[in-house]
N, C-alpha and C. Protein backbone atom coordinates (compact mmCIF):
# COMPACT_ATOMS: atom_id res chain seq x y z
N MET A 1 22.77 17.13 20.21
CA MET A 1 23.41 17.51 18.77
C MET A 1 22.65 16.34 17.52
N PRO A 2 21.75 16.74 16.82
CA PRO A 2 21.23 15.72 16.19
C PRO A 2 21.88 14.75 15.31
N ASP A 3 21.56 13.68 14.57
CA ASP A 3 22.21 12.36 13.91
C ASP A 3 22.69 13.26 12.51
N GLU A 4 23.43 13.32 12.42
CA GLU A 4 23.96 14.02 10.82
C GLU A 4 23.91 12.84 9.69
N ASN A 5 23.62 11.65 10.24
CA ASN A 5 23.94 10.15 9.27
C ASN A 5 22.50 9.55 9.93
N PRO A 6 21.71 10.24 9.78
CA PRO A 6 20.61 9.00 10.27
C PRO A 6 20.24 7.71 9.10
N GLU A 7 19.66 6.54 9.90
CA GLU A 7 19.98 5.37 9.38
C GLU A 7 18.94 5.58 8.17
N PRO A 8 19.07 5.09 6.66
CA PRO A 8 18.09 5.14 5.71
C PRO A 8 16.93 4.55 6.17
N GLU A 9 15.70 5.02 5.84
CA GLU A 9 14.61 4.07 6.24
C GLU A 9 14.68 2.88 5.69
N VAL A 10 14.14 1.95 5.83
CA VAL A 10 13.89 0.67 5.26
C VAL A 10 12.76 0.07 4.82
N ALA A 11 12.61 -0.28 3.46
CA ALA A 11 11.35 -0.11 2.74
C ALA A 11 10.96 -1.66 3.26
N LYS A 12 9.68 -1.70 3.79
CA LYS A 12 9.00 -3.00 4.46
C LYS A 12 8.29 -3.63 2.84
N SER A 13 8.57 -4.87 3.27
CA SER A 13 8.02 -5.94 2.33
C SER A 13 6.66 -6.96 2.82
N ILE A 14 5.84 -7.36 2.03
CA ILE A 14 5.07 -7.74 2.48
C ILE A 14 4.64 -9.30 1.40
N THR A 15 4.58 -10.34 2.03
CA THR A 15 4.03 -11.32 0.53
C THR A 15 2.92 -11.26 0.57
N LEU A 16 2.12 -11.59 -0.54
CA LEU A 16 0.96 -11.83 -0.50
C LEU A 16 0.65 -12.87 -1.61
N ILE A 17 -0.34 -13.50 -1.22
CA ILE A 17 -0.62 -14.92 -2.18
C ILE A 17 -1.81 -14.54 -2.75
N ASP A 18 -2.02 -14.76 -4.29
CA ASP A 18 -2.74 -14.59 -5.10
C ASP A 18 -4.02 -15.51 -5.30
N GLU A 19 -4.76 -15.46 -6.14
CA GLU A 19 -5.99 -16.38 -6.33
C GLU A 19 -5.58 -17.92 -6.62
N SER A 20 -4.14 -18.32 -7.21
CA SER A 20 -4.10 -19.30 -7.48
C SER A 20 -2.96 -20.04 -6.27
N GLY A 21 -2.92 -19.18 -5.49
CA GLY A 21 -1.74 -19.92 -4.33
C GLY A 21 -0.47 -19.31 -4.24
N ARG A 22 -0.27 -18.73 -5.45
CA ARG A 22 1.36 -17.95 -5.35
C ARG A 22 1.64 -17.18 -4.78
N GLU A 23 2.72 -17.09 -4.22
CA GLU A 23 3.48 -15.91 -3.35
C GLU A 23 3.87 -14.89 -3.99
N ARG A 24 3.69 -13.64 -3.86
CA ARG A 24 4.09 -12.29 -4.18
C ARG A 24 4.56 -11.57 -3.09
N GLN A 25 6.12 -11.03 -3.55
CA GLN A 25 6.68 -10.11 -2.39
C GLN A 25 6.30 -8.39 -2.89
N PHE A 26 5.84 -7.58 -2.10
CA PHE A 26 5.42 -6.65 -2.13
C PHE A 26 6.53 -5.43 -1.48
N GLN A 27 6.56 -4.37 -2.14
CA GLN A 27 6.97 -3.12 -1.30
C GLN A 27 5.61 -2.43 -0.51
N LEU A 28 5.85 -2.32 0.72
CA LEU A 28 4.95 -1.27 0.90
C LEU A 28 5.23 0.31 1.18
N HIS A 29 4.71 0.99 0.05
CA HIS A 29 4.83 2.26 -0.04
C HIS A 29 4.17 3.57 1.29
N ASP A 30 2.82 2.98 1.42
CA ASP A 30 2.15 3.79 2.17
C ASP A 30 0.79 2.82 2.79
N ALA A 31 0.85 3.54 4.05
CA ALA A 31 -0.66 2.96 4.93
C ALA A 31 -1.38 4.22 5.31
N PHE A 32 -2.91 4.03 5.29
CA PHE A 32 -3.41 5.44 5.45
C PHE A 32 -4.73 4.71 5.87
N ASP A 33 -5.56 5.91 6.37
CA ASP A 33 -6.82 5.94 6.74
C ASP A 33 -7.47 6.84 5.70
N HIS A 34 -8.66 6.31 5.53
CA HIS A 34 -9.43 7.02 4.73
C HIS A 34 -11.16 6.67 4.79
N GLU A 35 -11.62 7.78 5.28
CA GLU A 35 -13.00 7.68 5.34
C GLU A 35 -13.22 6.44 6.23
N GLY A 36 -12.64 5.89 6.98
CA GLY A 36 -13.27 5.00 7.94
C GLY A 36 -12.59 3.42 7.40
N GLY A 37 -11.93 3.60 6.44
CA GLY A 37 -11.17 2.20 6.02
C GLY A 37 -9.74 2.46 5.93
N VAL A 38 -8.79 1.60 5.78
CA VAL A 38 -7.42 1.51 6.46
C VAL A 38 -7.09 0.97 4.93
N TYR A 39 -6.18 1.67 4.23
CA TYR A 39 -5.59 1.32 2.96
C TYR A 39 -4.21 1.07 3.28
N TYR A 40 -3.59 0.39 1.86
CA TYR A 40 -2.49 0.55 1.66
C TYR A 40 -2.00 -0.19 0.25
N LEU A 41 -0.68 1.08 0.03
CA LEU A 41 -0.27 0.96 -1.21
C LEU A 41 0.92 0.27 -1.40
N VAL A 42 0.98 -0.19 -2.28
CA VAL A 42 2.14 -1.59 -2.52
C VAL A 42 2.45 -1.67 -4.10
N GLU A 43 3.56 -1.94 -3.66
CA GLU A 43 4.32 -2.26 -5.54
C GLU A 43 5.12 -3.60 -5.27
N ASN A 44 4.66 -4.07 -6.35
CA ASN A 44 5.16 -5.41 -6.76
C ASN A 44 7.08 -5.61 -6.51
N ILE A 45 7.65 -6.12 -6.06
CA ILE A 45 8.96 -6.21 -6.26
C ILE A 45 9.30 -6.74 -7.48
N ASP A 46 9.07 -7.58 -8.15
CA ASP A 46 9.20 -8.08 -9.28
C ASP A 46 8.95 -7.66 -10.61
N ASP A 47 7.93 -6.87 -10.55
CA ASP A 47 7.25 -6.03 -11.53
C ASP A 47 6.82 -4.93 -11.34
N PRO A 48 7.51 -3.92 -10.90
CA PRO A 48 7.53 -2.43 -10.30
C PRO A 48 6.10 -1.69 -11.06
N SER A 49 5.96 -2.19 -12.38
CA SER A 49 4.70 -1.42 -13.20
C SER A 49 3.27 -2.38 -12.52
N GLN A 50 3.63 -3.13 -11.43
CA GLN A 50 2.28 -3.60 -11.02
C GLN A 50 2.10 -2.87 -9.55
N VAL A 51 1.43 -1.92 -9.31
CA VAL A 51 0.95 -1.14 -8.13
C VAL A 51 -0.54 -1.58 -7.45
N LEU A 52 -0.46 -1.92 -6.25
CA LEU A 52 -1.68 -2.03 -6.04
C LEU A 52 -2.74 -1.22 -4.73
N LEU A 53 -3.47 -0.91 -4.94
CA LEU A 53 -4.22 -0.20 -3.41
C LEU A 53 -5.12 -1.27 -2.83
N LEU A 54 -4.96 -1.56 -1.44
CA LEU A 54 -5.27 -2.60 -0.93
C LEU A 54 -6.44 -1.78 0.31
N ARG A 55 -7.53 -2.77 0.52
CA ARG A 55 -8.11 -2.04 1.65
C ARG A 55 -8.31 -3.36 2.72
N GLU A 56 -7.99 -2.84 4.04
CA GLU A 56 -8.19 -4.26 4.83
C GLU A 56 -9.88 -4.19 5.11
N VAL A 57 -10.34 -5.24 5.23
CA VAL A 57 -11.51 -5.71 5.55
C VAL A 57 -11.37 -7.42 6.53
N ASP A 58 -12.27 -7.23 7.72
CA ASP A 58 -12.12 -8.00 8.33
C ASP A 58 -10.84 -8.93 8.62
N GLY A 59 -9.79 -7.85 8.79
CA GLY A 59 -8.53 -9.03 9.18
C GLY A 59 -7.76 -9.40 7.68
N ALA A 60 -8.62 -9.34 6.51
CA ALA A 60 -7.93 -9.41 5.51
C ALA A 60 -7.50 -8.25 4.84
N LEU A 61 -7.03 -8.67 3.18
CA LEU A 61 -6.69 -7.43 2.30
C LEU A 61 -7.49 -7.64 1.25
N GLU A 62 -8.60 -7.03 0.62
CA GLU A 62 -8.82 -6.42 -0.82
C GLU A 62 -8.12 -5.85 -1.80
N THR A 63 -8.26 -6.02 -2.92
CA THR A 63 -7.72 -5.12 -3.86
C THR A 63 -8.94 -4.22 -4.53
N VAL A 64 -8.32 -3.06 -4.37
CA VAL A 64 -9.62 -1.77 -4.81
C VAL A 64 -9.58 -1.57 -6.16
N GLU A 65 -10.63 -1.34 -6.52
CA GLU A 65 -10.59 -1.05 -8.34
C GLU A 65 -11.54 -0.03 -8.24
N GLY A 66 -11.62 0.39 -9.59
CA GLY A 66 -12.94 1.14 -10.04
C GLY A 66 -12.88 2.47 -9.36
N ASP A 67 -14.49 2.82 -9.34
CA ASP A 67 -14.63 4.28 -9.02
C ASP A 67 -13.93 4.22 -7.46
N GLU A 68 -14.07 3.59 -6.41
CA GLU A 68 -13.29 3.49 -5.43
C GLU A 68 -11.70 3.88 -5.48
N PHE A 69 -11.30 3.14 -6.39
CA PHE A 69 -9.67 3.53 -6.57
C PHE A 69 -9.52 4.78 -6.65
N GLN A 70 -10.06 5.30 -7.67
CA GLN A 70 -10.30 6.74 -8.14
C GLN A 70 -10.25 7.52 -7.11
N GLN A 71 -10.90 7.78 -6.33
CA GLN A 71 -11.43 8.47 -5.04
C GLN A 71 -10.23 8.26 -3.95
N VAL A 72 -9.77 7.52 -3.67
CA VAL A 72 -8.99 7.07 -2.67
C VAL A 72 -7.51 7.68 -3.54
N ILE A 73 -7.25 7.58 -4.42
CA ILE A 73 -5.73 7.55 -5.28
C ILE A 73 -6.39 9.14 -5.01
N THR A 74 -7.27 9.99 -5.55
CA THR A 74 -7.43 11.38 -5.75
C THR A 74 -7.16 12.04 -4.22
N ALA A 75 -8.00 11.28 -3.21
CA ALA A 75 -7.20 11.95 -1.77
C ALA A 75 -6.28 11.70 -1.33
N LEU A 76 -5.34 10.53 -1.63
CA LEU A 76 -4.09 10.51 -1.30
C LEU A 76 -3.19 11.50 -1.85
N GLU A 77 -3.42 11.64 -3.14
CA GLU A 77 -2.61 12.99 -3.94
C GLU A 77 -3.10 14.13 -3.55
N LYS A 78 -4.20 14.64 -2.91
CA LYS A 78 -4.30 15.83 -2.37
C LYS A 78 -4.01 15.74 -0.94
N ASP A 79 -3.62 14.76 -0.13
CA ASP A 79 -3.08 14.56 0.94
C ASP A 79 -4.39 14.63 1.89
N GLN A 80 -5.42 14.05 1.58
CA GLN A 80 -6.87 14.39 2.22
C GLN A 80 -6.96 13.26 2.80
N VAL A 81 -5.71 12.32 3.58
CA VAL A 81 -5.75 10.88 4.14
C VAL A 81 -5.09 10.99 5.29
N GLU A 82 -5.36 10.18 6.30
CA GLU A 82 -4.74 10.21 7.68
C GLU A 82 -3.66 9.26 7.67
């Protein structure tokens, strides 16, 4: 018999360190592959208006901006990511 009261999904939070060395808490909304890259969509816990798209590069995370940001977000909205 299926569980009628499944456990709620726990939001994953991550700590990122900005350029000035300050730690900031983000909630992970999505992690996905697109055109050979691994991307993460995160939201600042203290400022929900700050949403970042990050790309994994050599074991580190970089902020995605500009044309690449638009292309990846469009692919995400059209469910063209893995």
